[in-house]
Amino acid sequence: MPQTTNYPDPQRLQDLEQLRQLKARYCRFLDTKRWPDFRALFSDDCQFEGMGNLPITASVDTFVSHVAKRHTHTITAHHCHMPEFRFLSDREARGIWAMEDFVEWQGLEHVSPDWIGFKGFRAYGHYEESYRRGDDGQWMFSFMRLTRLRMDGVPADSPVPRPGALKATADWL
């Protein structure tokens, strides 16, 4: 009897790629401080957990304002890896991403008392997320939880960073 091959659904493959690109834009817009573009990634009813001292009842606009305020005077680099996805329907999905971030404060006046003696941190953990496909067919974040496995301080006396040779081009794509 001939063996049959089950090929993945082309729409599901397209959905997976859209979710990967959504997360890539999240990291890029956060690191390049493109707050209006960052805001556009979230459904209006998105909820957040584990985002510093932000209450779970915070609106998306409050979340974006909080993140923008916390990172106005920072250098950040966010990396997300090895996603796992589960589709709940054609319009809803969940995902988990391994993450690593680097945050360096530019001026000690922005440091919380927990981080005295440090000028930033490198952290490792996971994003647990829910996504919803909008009426326009685009996926958006509808829930985001940040869990941390480890946070390592960057000592205040560590070398001063060298700036990159070029800044990101906002309209490259």
Protein backbone atom coordinates (compact mmCIF):
# COMPACT_ATOMS: atom_id res chain seq x y z
CA MET A 1 0.00 0.00 0.00
CA PRO A 2 1.45 3.43 -0.91
CA GLN A 3 2.43 5.66 1.97
CA THR A 4 0.62 9.01 2.20
CA THR A 5 2.22 12.20 3.42
CA ASN A 6 0.24 14.67 5.49
CA TYR A 7 1.31 18.14 4.51
CA PRO A 8 0.68 21.00 6.92
CA ASP A 9 -2.21 23.30 6.18
CA PRO A 10 -0.81 26.27 4.19
CA GLN A 11 -2.98 28.71 6.18
CA ARG A 12 -1.58 27.38 9.46
CA LEU A 13 1.97 27.84 8.16
CA GLN A 14 1.12 31.41 7.20
CA ASP A 15 -0.38 31.99 10.68
CA LEU A 16 2.80 30.67 12.33
CA GLU A 17 4.93 33.05 10.29
CA GLN A 18 2.66 35.99 11.14
CA LEU A 19 2.96 35.19 14.85
CA ARG A 20 6.75 35.02 14.59
CA GLN A 21 6.83 38.39 12.84
CA LEU A 22 4.46 39.89 15.43
CA LYS A 23 6.93 38.94 18.17
CA ALA A 24 9.90 40.21 16.15
CA ARG A 25 8.17 43.59 15.77
CA TYR A 26 7.44 43.62 19.52
CA CYS A 27 11.16 43.30 20.31
CA ARG A 28 12.29 45.74 17.61
CA PHE A 29 9.73 48.43 18.40
CA LEU A 30 10.52 48.13 22.12
CA ASP A 31 14.29 48.37 21.62
CA THR A 32 14.04 51.25 19.12
CA LYS A 33 11.40 53.01 21.24
CA ARG A 34 8.79 53.25 18.48
CA TRP A 35 5.85 53.60 20.88
CA PRO A 36 2.95 54.21 18.44
CA ASP A 37 4.03 51.16 16.39
CA PHE A 38 4.48 49.18 19.63
CA ARG A 39 0.93 50.10 20.74
CA ALA A 40 -0.54 48.89 17.44
CA LEU A 41 0.57 45.30 18.20
CA PHE A 42 -2.00 44.83 20.99
CA SER A 43 -5.75 44.30 20.96
CA ASP A 44 -7.58 47.03 22.85
CA ASP A 45 -8.55 44.55 25.59
CA CYS A 46 -5.10 42.97 25.98
CA GLN A 47 -4.12 42.06 29.55
CA PHE A 48 -0.64 41.89 31.07
CA GLU A 49 1.01 40.02 33.97
CA GLY A 50 4.54 40.20 35.34
CA MET A 51 5.34 43.59 33.83
CA GLY A 52 7.04 45.25 36.78
CA ASN A 53 4.66 46.99 39.16
CA LEU A 54 1.93 47.38 36.55
CA PRO A 55 -1.46 46.10 37.81
CA ILE A 56 -3.11 43.32 35.79
CA THR A 57 -6.10 45.60 35.25
CA ALA A 58 -3.99 48.18 33.37
CA SER A 59 -5.21 49.19 29.92
CA VAL A 60 -3.06 48.77 26.83
CA ASP A 61 -2.41 52.51 26.73
CA THR A 62 -1.32 52.45 30.38
CA PHE A 63 0.96 49.48 29.64
CA VAL A 64 2.59 51.23 26.67
CA SER A 65 2.98 54.47 28.63
CA HIS A 66 4.52 52.52 31.53
CA VAL A 67 6.98 50.71 29.25
CA ALA A 68 7.88 53.94 27.42
CA LYS A 69 8.52 55.75 30.71
CA ARG A 70 10.64 52.89 32.09
CA HIS A 71 12.74 52.65 28.94
CA THR A 72 13.10 56.29 27.89
CA HIS A 73 16.57 56.40 29.46
CA THR A 74 17.73 52.85 28.78
CA ILE A 75 19.60 50.84 26.22
CA THR A 76 17.73 47.58 25.70
CA ALA A 77 18.13 44.43 23.64
CA HIS A 78 15.28 41.88 23.68
CA HIS A 79 15.65 38.44 22.12
CA CYS A 80 12.95 35.79 21.89
CA HIS A 81 13.67 32.23 20.80
CA MET A 82 12.20 28.78 20.29
CA PRO A 83 8.48 29.52 20.11
CA GLU A 84 5.83 26.90 20.84
CA PHE A 85 2.31 27.51 19.55
CA ARG A 86 -1.12 26.00 20.01
CA PHE A 87 -4.06 27.10 17.89
CA LEU A 88 -7.34 27.21 19.79
CA SER A 89 -9.34 28.17 16.69
CA ASP A 90 -8.80 29.93 13.37
CA ARG A 91 -8.84 33.26 15.27
CA GLU A 92 -7.14 32.42 18.59
CA ALA A 93 -3.76 30.98 19.52
CA ARG A 94 -1.37 30.70 22.45
CA GLY A 95 2.40 30.80 22.47
CA ILE A 96 5.43 30.49 24.73
CA TRP A 97 8.74 32.13 23.85
CA ALA A 98 12.07 31.70 25.62
CA MET A 99 13.42 35.20 26.17
CA GLU A 100 16.54 37.07 27.11
CA ASP A 101 16.76 40.78 27.66
CA PHE A 102 19.44 43.29 28.47
CA VAL A 103 18.51 46.59 30.09
CA GLU A 104 21.04 49.30 30.92
CA TRP A 105 19.92 52.50 32.63
CA GLN A 106 21.45 55.71 31.35
CA GLY A 107 21.73 57.58 34.64
CA LEU A 108 21.36 56.17 38.13
CA GLU A 109 18.34 58.36 38.90
CA HIS A 110 16.28 55.77 37.01
CA VAL A 111 17.31 52.84 39.19
CA SER A 112 14.97 51.29 41.74
CA PRO A 113 16.36 50.74 45.27
CA ASP A 114 16.67 47.00 44.51
CA TRP A 115 19.32 47.75 41.91
CA ILE A 116 21.63 50.18 43.73
CA GLY A 117 25.21 49.38 42.69
CA PHE A 118 24.11 48.15 39.27
CA LYS A 119 23.56 49.99 36.01
CA GLY A 120 21.23 47.41 34.52
CA PHE A 121 20.48 43.73 34.24
CA ARG A 122 20.42 40.74 31.94
CA ALA A 123 17.45 38.45 32.45
CA TYR A 124 16.18 35.12 31.19
CA GLY A 125 12.70 33.68 31.20
CA HIS A 126 9.59 33.16 29.10
CA TYR A 127 6.75 35.09 27.53
CA GLU A 128 3.39 33.33 27.75
CA GLU A 129 1.01 34.92 25.28
CA SER A 130 -2.41 34.74 23.70
CA TYR A 131 -3.13 36.06 20.24
CA ARG A 132 -6.28 37.02 18.41
CA ARG A 133 -6.78 37.50 14.69
CA GLY A 134 -8.49 40.83 14.02
CA ASP A 135 -11.19 41.50 11.46
CA ASP A 136 -8.43 42.69 9.12
CA GLY A 137 -6.82 39.20 9.26
CA GLN A 138 -3.80 40.37 11.29
CA TRP A 139 -2.74 38.69 14.52
CA MET A 140 -2.40 40.82 17.67
CA PHE A 141 -1.44 40.18 21.28
CA SER A 142 -4.50 39.66 23.50
CA PHE A 143 -2.61 38.55 26.65
CA MET A 144 1.03 38.71 27.71
CA ARG A 145 2.75 37.32 30.81
CA LEU A 146 6.46 37.72 31.46
CA THR A 147 8.08 35.15 33.74
CA ARG A 148 11.69 35.38 34.83
CA LEU A 149 13.95 32.45 35.70
CA ARG A 150 17.01 34.56 36.44
CA MET A 151 18.13 38.19 36.60
CA ASP A 152 21.80 39.17 36.75
CA GLY A 153 22.86 42.70 37.61
CA VAL A 154 25.26 44.65 35.39
CA PRO A 155 27.74 46.17 37.88
CA ALA A 156 27.87 49.98 37.92
CA ASP A 157 31.63 49.88 37.30
CA SER A 158 31.42 47.68 34.17
CA PRO A 159 32.82 49.22 30.96
CA VAL A 160 30.89 51.97 29.24
CA PRO A 161 29.13 50.63 26.14
CA ARG A 162 30.37 51.61 22.72
CA PRO A 163 27.56 52.98 20.58
CA GLY A 164 26.72 51.18 17.37
CA ALA A 165 27.96 52.63 14.10
CA LEU A 166 24.45 52.99 12.66
CA LYS A 167 21.00 53.58 14.11
CA ALA A 168 18.05 51.44 13.04
CA THR A 169 16.26 52.60 9.90
CA ALA A 170 12.62 53.07 10.92
CA ASP A 171 11.14 52.57 7.44
CA TRP A 172 13.50 49.88 6.09
CA LEU A 173 10.69 47.39 5.48
